[in-house]
Amino acid sequence: MAKLAAHPSGLHTAKERERALRWLAGLAEADRERILADAFGACAATTSHSEPAAAAPTPYVALLAAIRRFGFDTLRRRGYRAAGPEQFADFQRVRESRAKNLVRERPSPLREKVLLRWAMVKELHRQGLGFRLIARYFAQQLRIPVSPSYLRNIWQAFGQDGADGRDMP
C-alpha cells in the first residue's frame, strides 16, 4: 500500500480537505470571516522578503490550517468541533425538553399489543405458568416477541399480585 504524502495543512486526503471546506461553508458568517482573516494574515506574515518563497504557505494551505486551528478535525474521518461549556449549556434545555417528550409520548406498540392480551397473561399466570413460559407462548403462538422481565415489570406496575386490587391496566 502506498504511503500518503504529508499535506502541509495536516489534512492528508482530498476527502478530508473537501470535508473541511464544507464545514467552513456551514459556519456562521462571523466565524467564516475570522477564519479567512486568520488565513490571509498567515499568508501576509510569511511572505516577507527575507524568507524563501518555498516556506510561505499558499493561500489554500493557509486557509486549511486556519480551519483546523478554529476547531475542525478529522478524527475517524469525520469533521467535528469539540463543544465547550457554552455549547453544552445551550443544549441542556434541548435535552431536557426531549426527555419530557419521551414521558408524554404514547405507549410503545409492544406495550399496546401486550395490554390488548392482558387477560390472557393473567389467565396463564393463574394456571401456574411463569413469565418465561408466557413470553415463549407470546413469541411462538401470537408472534409477539416480549421478554419475561418486561411482562414481570408490567405485572408489578399494575399491582396484579392482589395488593392493589386493580383488575386491568
C-alpha atoms as a PDB file:
ATOM      1  CA  MET A   1       0.000   0.000   0.000  1.00  0.00           C
ATOM      2  CA  ALA A   2       1.406   3.371  -0.977  1.00  0.00           C
ATOM      3  CA  LYS A   3       2.044   5.839   1.787  1.00  0.00           C
ATOM      4  CA  LEU A   4       0.286   9.172   1.642  1.00  0.00           C
ATOM      5  CA  ALA A   5       2.383  12.247   1.211  1.00  0.00           C
ATOM      6  CA  ALA A   6       2.020  14.572   4.173  1.00  0.00           C
ATOM      7  CA  HIS A   7      -0.027  17.618   3.266  1.00  0.00           C
ATOM      8  CA  PRO A   8       1.227  20.864   4.822  1.00  0.00           C
ATOM      9  CA  SER A   9      -2.201  21.589   6.301  1.00  0.00           C
ATOM     10  CA  GLY A  10      -2.404  18.251   8.093  1.00  0.00           C
ATOM     11  CA  LEU A  11      -5.439  17.189   6.049  1.00  0.00           C
ATOM     12  CA  HIS A  12      -3.841  14.413   4.041  1.00  0.00           C
ATOM     13  CA  THR A  13      -6.590  13.218   1.714  1.00  0.00           C
ATOM     14  CA  ALA A  14      -8.735  15.090  -0.746  1.00  0.00           C
ATOM     15  CA  LYS A  15     -11.867  13.949   1.105  1.00  0.00           C
ATOM     16  CA  GLU A  16     -10.621  15.422   4.369  1.00  0.00           C
ATOM     17  CA  ARG A  17      -9.875  18.736   2.671  1.00  0.00           C
ATOM     18  CA  GLU A  18     -13.285  18.694   0.975  1.00  0.00           C
ATOM     19  CA  ARG A  19     -14.981  17.969   4.296  1.00  0.00           C
ATOM     20  CA  ALA A  20     -13.115  20.846   5.943  1.00  0.00           C
ATOM     21  CA  LEU A  21     -14.232  23.283   3.248  1.00  0.00           C
ATOM     22  CA  ARG A  22     -17.819  22.045   3.527  1.00  0.00           C
ATOM     23  CA  TRP A  23     -17.606  22.523   7.286  1.00  0.00           C
ATOM     24  CA  LEU A  24     -16.388  26.076   6.720  1.00  0.00           C
ATOM     25  CA  ALA A  25     -19.345  26.801   4.446  1.00  0.00           C
ATOM     26  CA  GLY A  26     -21.757  25.675   7.160  1.00  0.00           C
ATOM     27  CA  LEU A  27     -20.427  28.064   9.788  1.00  0.00           C
ATOM     28  CA  ALA A  28     -21.907  31.415  10.701  1.00  0.00           C
ATOM     29  CA  GLU A  29     -20.735  34.438   8.723  1.00  0.00           C
ATOM     30  CA  ALA A  30     -18.774  35.928  11.629  1.00  0.00           C
ATOM     31  CA  ASP A  31     -16.857  32.672  12.152  1.00  0.00           C
ATOM     32  CA  ARG A  32     -16.065  32.419   8.432  1.00  0.00           C
ATOM     33  CA  GLU A  33     -14.727  35.974   8.459  1.00  0.00           C
ATOM     34  CA  ARG A  34     -12.481  35.149  11.434  1.00  0.00           C
ATOM     35  CA  ILE A  35     -11.095  32.072   9.689  1.00  0.00           C
ATOM     36  CA  LEU A  36     -10.476  33.918   6.413  1.00  0.00           C
ATOM     37  CA  ALA A  37      -8.805  36.819   8.216  1.00  0.00           C
ATOM     38  CA  ASP A  38      -6.588  34.366  10.078  1.00  0.00           C
ATOM     39  CA  ALA A  39      -5.647  32.589   6.835  1.00  0.00           C
ATOM     40  CA  PHE A  40      -4.853  35.783   4.941  1.00  0.00           C
ATOM     41  CA  GLY A  41      -2.941  37.108   7.934  1.00  0.00           C
ATOM     42  CA  ALA A  42      -0.815  33.952   7.940  1.00  0.00           C
ATOM     43  CA  CYS A  43      -0.087  34.408   4.226  1.00  0.00           C
ATOM     44  CA  ALA A  44       0.841  38.052   4.658  1.00  0.00           C
ATOM     45  CA  ALA A  45       3.055  37.408   7.679  1.00  0.00           C
ATOM     46  CA  THR A  46       5.143  34.732   5.973  1.00  0.00           C
ATOM     47  CA  THR A  47       5.675  36.465   2.647  1.00  0.00           C
ATOM     48  CA  SER A  48       8.362  38.835   3.824  1.00  0.00           C
ATOM     49  CA  HIS A  49      11.343  39.418   1.519  1.00  0.00           C
ATOM     50  CA  SER A  50      13.878  37.783   3.849  1.00  0.00           C
ATOM     51  CA  GLU A  51      12.264  34.319   3.737  1.00  0.00           C
ATOM     52  CA  PRO A  52      12.495  31.992   0.765  1.00  0.00           C
ATOM     53  CA  ALA A  53       9.328  31.588  -1.294  1.00  0.00           C
ATOM     54  CA  ALA A  54       9.112  27.838  -0.536  1.00  0.00           C
ATOM     55  CA  ALA A  55       8.497  28.484   3.182  1.00  0.00           C
ATOM     56  CA  ALA A  56       5.455  30.687   2.564  1.00  0.00           C
ATOM     57  CA  PRO A  57       2.175  28.736   2.556  1.00  0.00           C
ATOM     58  CA  THR A  58      -0.159  29.085  -0.366  1.00  0.00           C
ATOM     59  CA  PRO A  59      -3.482  30.755   0.428  1.00  0.00           C
ATOM     60  CA  TYR A  60      -5.212  27.365   0.108  1.00  0.00           C
ATOM     61  CA  VAL A  61      -2.913  25.708   2.652  1.00  0.00           C
ATOM     62  CA  ALA A  62      -3.177  28.720   4.966  1.00  0.00           C
ATOM     63  CA  LEU A  63      -6.972  28.507   4.768  1.00  0.00           C
ATOM     64  CA  LEU A  64      -6.963  24.797   5.629  1.00  0.00           C
ATOM     65  CA  ALA A  65      -4.590  25.413   8.541  1.00  0.00           C
ATOM     66  CA  ALA A  66      -6.835  28.217   9.824  1.00  0.00           C
ATOM     67  CA  ILE A  67      -9.849  25.900   9.585  1.00  0.00           C
ATOM     68  CA  ARG A  68      -8.042  23.310  11.699  1.00  0.00           C
ATOM     69  CA  ARG A  69      -6.985  25.897  14.259  1.00  0.00           C
ATOM     70  CA  PHE A  70     -10.560  27.142  14.535  1.00  0.00           C
ATOM     71  CA  GLY A  71     -11.860  23.722  15.526  1.00  0.00           C
ATOM     72  CA  PHE A  72     -12.195  21.346  12.584  1.00  0.00           C
ATOM     73  CA  ASP A  73     -10.569  17.978  12.996  1.00  0.00           C
ATOM     74  CA  THR A  74     -10.824  14.682  11.179  1.00  0.00           C
ATOM     75  CA  LEU A  75     -10.837  12.141  13.923  1.00  0.00           C
ATOM     76  CA  ARG A  76     -12.229   8.928  12.451  1.00  0.00           C
ATOM     77  CA  ARG A  77     -12.676  10.768   9.145  1.00  0.00           C
ATOM     78  CA  ARG A  78     -15.429  12.988  10.493  1.00  0.00           C
ATOM     79  CA  GLY A  79     -15.382  16.710  10.773  1.00  0.00           C
ATOM     80  CA  TYR A  80     -16.420  17.860  14.192  1.00  0.00           C
ATOM     81  CA  ARG A  81     -15.979  20.761  16.508  1.00  0.00           C
ATOM     82  CA  ALA A  82     -15.469  19.998  20.145  1.00  0.00           C
ATOM     83  CA  ALA A  83     -18.183  21.603  22.235  1.00  0.00           C
ATOM     84  CA  GLY A  84     -17.161  23.916  25.010  1.00  0.00           C
ATOM     85  CA  PRO A  85     -19.076  24.653  28.207  1.00  0.00           C
ATOM     86  CA  GLU A  86     -21.123  27.361  26.464  1.00  0.00           C
ATOM     87  CA  GLN A  87     -22.403  24.954  23.816  1.00  0.00           C
ATOM     88  CA  PHE A  88     -23.115  22.333  26.470  1.00  0.00           C
ATOM     89  CA  ALA A  89     -25.213  24.822  28.461  1.00  0.00           C
ATOM     90  CA  ASP A  90     -27.072  25.896  25.306  1.00  0.00           C
ATOM     91  CA  PHE A  91     -28.159  22.337  24.565  1.00  0.00           C
ATOM     92  CA  GLN A  92     -29.133  21.483  28.126  1.00  0.00           C
ATOM     93  CA  ARG A  93     -32.632  22.885  27.565  1.00  0.00           C
ATOM     94  CA  VAL A  94     -32.924  20.841  24.368  1.00  0.00           C
ATOM     95  CA  ARG A  95     -32.004  17.647  26.203  1.00  0.00           C
ATOM     96  CA  GLU A  96     -34.474  18.411  28.993  1.00  0.00           C
ATOM     97  CA  SER A  97     -37.332  19.014  26.556  1.00  0.00           C
ATOM     98  CA  ARG A  98     -36.548  15.804  24.666  1.00  0.00           C
ATOM     99  CA  ALA A  99     -36.646  13.880  27.937  1.00  0.00           C
ATOM    100  CA  LYS A 100     -40.038  15.410  28.760  1.00  0.00           C
ATOM    101  CA  ASN A 101     -41.313  14.445  25.315  1.00  0.00           C
ATOM    102  CA  LEU A 102     -40.373  10.825  25.959  1.00  0.00           C
ATOM    103  CA  VAL A 103     -42.608  10.818  29.029  1.00  0.00           C
ATOM    104  CA  ARG A 104     -45.546  12.345  27.146  1.00  0.00           C
ATOM    105  CA  GLU A 105     -45.326  10.027  24.134  1.00  0.00           C
ATOM    106  CA  ARG A 106     -47.898   7.335  23.695  1.00  0.00           C
ATOM    107  CA  PRO A 107     -47.036   3.810  24.828  1.00  0.00           C
ATOM    108  CA  SER A 108     -44.879   1.670  22.624  1.00  0.00           C
ATOM    109  CA  PRO A 109     -46.569  -0.631  20.095  1.00  0.00           C
ATOM    110  CA  LEU A 110     -45.278  -3.644  22.019  1.00  0.00           C
ATOM    111  CA  ARG A 111     -46.909  -2.419  25.209  1.00  0.00           C
ATOM    112  CA  GLU A 112     -50.199  -1.922  23.386  1.00  0.00           C
ATOM    113  CA  LYS A 113     -50.049  -5.444  21.966  1.00  0.00           C
ATOM    114  CA  VAL A 114     -49.353  -6.925  25.391  1.00  0.00           C
ATOM    115  CA  LEU A 115     -52.059  -4.875  27.092  1.00  0.00           C
ATOM    116  CA  LEU A 116     -54.616  -5.945  24.489  1.00  0.00           C
ATOM    117  CA  ARG A 117     -53.959  -9.533  25.577  1.00  0.00           C
ATOM    118  CA  TRP A 118     -53.553  -8.814  29.289  1.00  0.00           C
ATOM    119  CA  ALA A 119     -56.462 -11.070  30.223  1.00  0.00           C
ATOM    120  CA  MET A 120     -54.587 -13.933  28.581  1.00  0.00           C
ATOM    121  CA  VAL A 121     -51.463 -13.109  30.611  1.00  0.00           C
ATOM    122  CA  LYS A 122     -53.482 -13.087  33.837  1.00  0.00           C
ATOM    123  CA  GLU A 123     -55.163 -16.380  32.966  1.00  0.00           C
ATOM    124  CA  LEU A 124     -51.893 -18.115  32.076  1.00  0.00           C
ATOM    125  CA  HIS A 125     -50.281 -16.790  35.248  1.00  0.00           C
ATOM    126  CA  ARG A 126     -53.208 -18.076  37.356  1.00  0.00           C
ATOM    127  CA  GLN A 127     -52.686 -21.513  35.773  1.00  0.00           C
ATOM    128  CA  GLY A 128     -49.176 -21.534  37.213  1.00  0.00           C
ATOM    129  CA  LEU A 129     -47.128 -20.545  34.197  1.00  0.00           C
ATOM    130  CA  GLY A 130     -44.182 -18.284  34.875  1.00  0.00           C
ATOM    131  CA  PHE A 131     -43.335 -15.208  32.875  1.00  0.00           C
ATOM    132  CA  ARG A 132     -40.706 -17.106  30.861  1.00  0.00           C
ATOM    133  CA  LEU A 133     -43.276 -19.580  29.604  1.00  0.00           C
ATOM    134  CA  ILE A 134     -45.800 -16.814  28.966  1.00  0.00           C
ATOM    135  CA  ALA A 135     -43.177 -14.905  26.965  1.00  0.00           C
ATOM    136  CA  ARG A 136     -42.410 -18.058  24.979  1.00  0.00           C
ATOM    137  CA  TYR A 137     -46.147 -18.557  24.342  1.00  0.00           C
ATOM    138  CA  PHE A 138     -46.443 -14.974  23.083  1.00  0.00           C
ATOM    139  CA  ALA A 139     -43.442 -15.438  20.783  1.00  0.00           C
ATOM    140  CA  GLN A 140     -44.481 -18.796  19.335  1.00  0.00           C
ATOM    141  CA  GLN A 141     -48.270 -18.605  19.192  1.00  0.00           C
ATOM    142  CA  LEU A 142     -49.007 -14.893  18.856  1.00  0.00           C
ATOM    143  CA  ARG A 143     -45.805 -13.783  17.097  1.00  0.00           C
ATOM    144  CA  ILE A 144     -45.226 -11.042  19.682  1.00  0.00           C
ATOM    145  CA  PRO A 145     -41.608 -11.045  20.861  1.00  0.00           C
ATOM    146  CA  VAL A 146     -41.712  -9.983  24.500  1.00  0.00           C
ATOM    147  CA  SER A 147     -39.250 -10.648  27.294  1.00  0.00           C
ATOM    148  CA  PRO A 148     -40.187 -12.239  30.604  1.00  0.00           C
ATOM    149  CA  SER A 149     -38.757  -9.286  32.518  1.00  0.00           C
ATOM    150  CA  TYR A 150     -40.985  -6.911  30.522  1.00  0.00           C
ATOM    151  CA  LEU A 151     -44.053  -8.951  31.460  1.00  0.00           C
ATOM    152  CA  ARG A 152     -42.959  -9.000  35.105  1.00  0.00           C
ATOM    153  CA  ASN A 153     -42.450  -5.207  35.100  1.00  0.00           C
ATOM    154  CA  ILE A 154     -45.929  -4.618  33.706  1.00  0.00           C
ATOM    155  CA  TRP A 155     -47.365  -7.105  36.203  1.00  0.00           C
ATOM    156  CA  GLN A 156     -45.726  -5.296  39.122  1.00  0.00           C
ATOM    157  CA  ALA A 157     -46.546  -1.825  37.763  1.00  0.00           C
ATOM    158  CA  PHE A 158     -50.244  -2.591  37.710  1.00  0.00           C
ATOM    159  CA  GLY A 159     -50.291  -4.394  41.046  1.00  0.00           C
ATOM    160  CA  GLN A 160     -51.515  -7.745  39.752  1.00  0.00           C
ATOM    161  CA  ASP A 161     -50.259  -9.507  42.900  1.00  0.00           C
ATOM    162  CA  GLY A 162     -53.555  -8.725  44.612  1.00  0.00           C
ATOM    163  CA  ALA A 163     -52.296  -5.891  46.807  1.00  0.00           C
ATOM    164  CA  ASP A 164     -53.744  -3.148  44.650  1.00  0.00           C
ATOM    165  CA  GLY A 165     -56.975  -4.743  43.582  1.00  0.00           C
ATOM    166  CA  ARG A 166     -56.940  -3.263  40.102  1.00  0.00           C
ATOM    167  CA  ASP A 167     -58.214  -5.768  37.607  1.00  0.00           C
ATOM    168  CA  MET A 168     -56.950  -4.424  34.288  1.00  0.00           C
ATOM    169  CA  PRO A 169     -54.276  -1.874  33.377  1.00  0.00           C
END
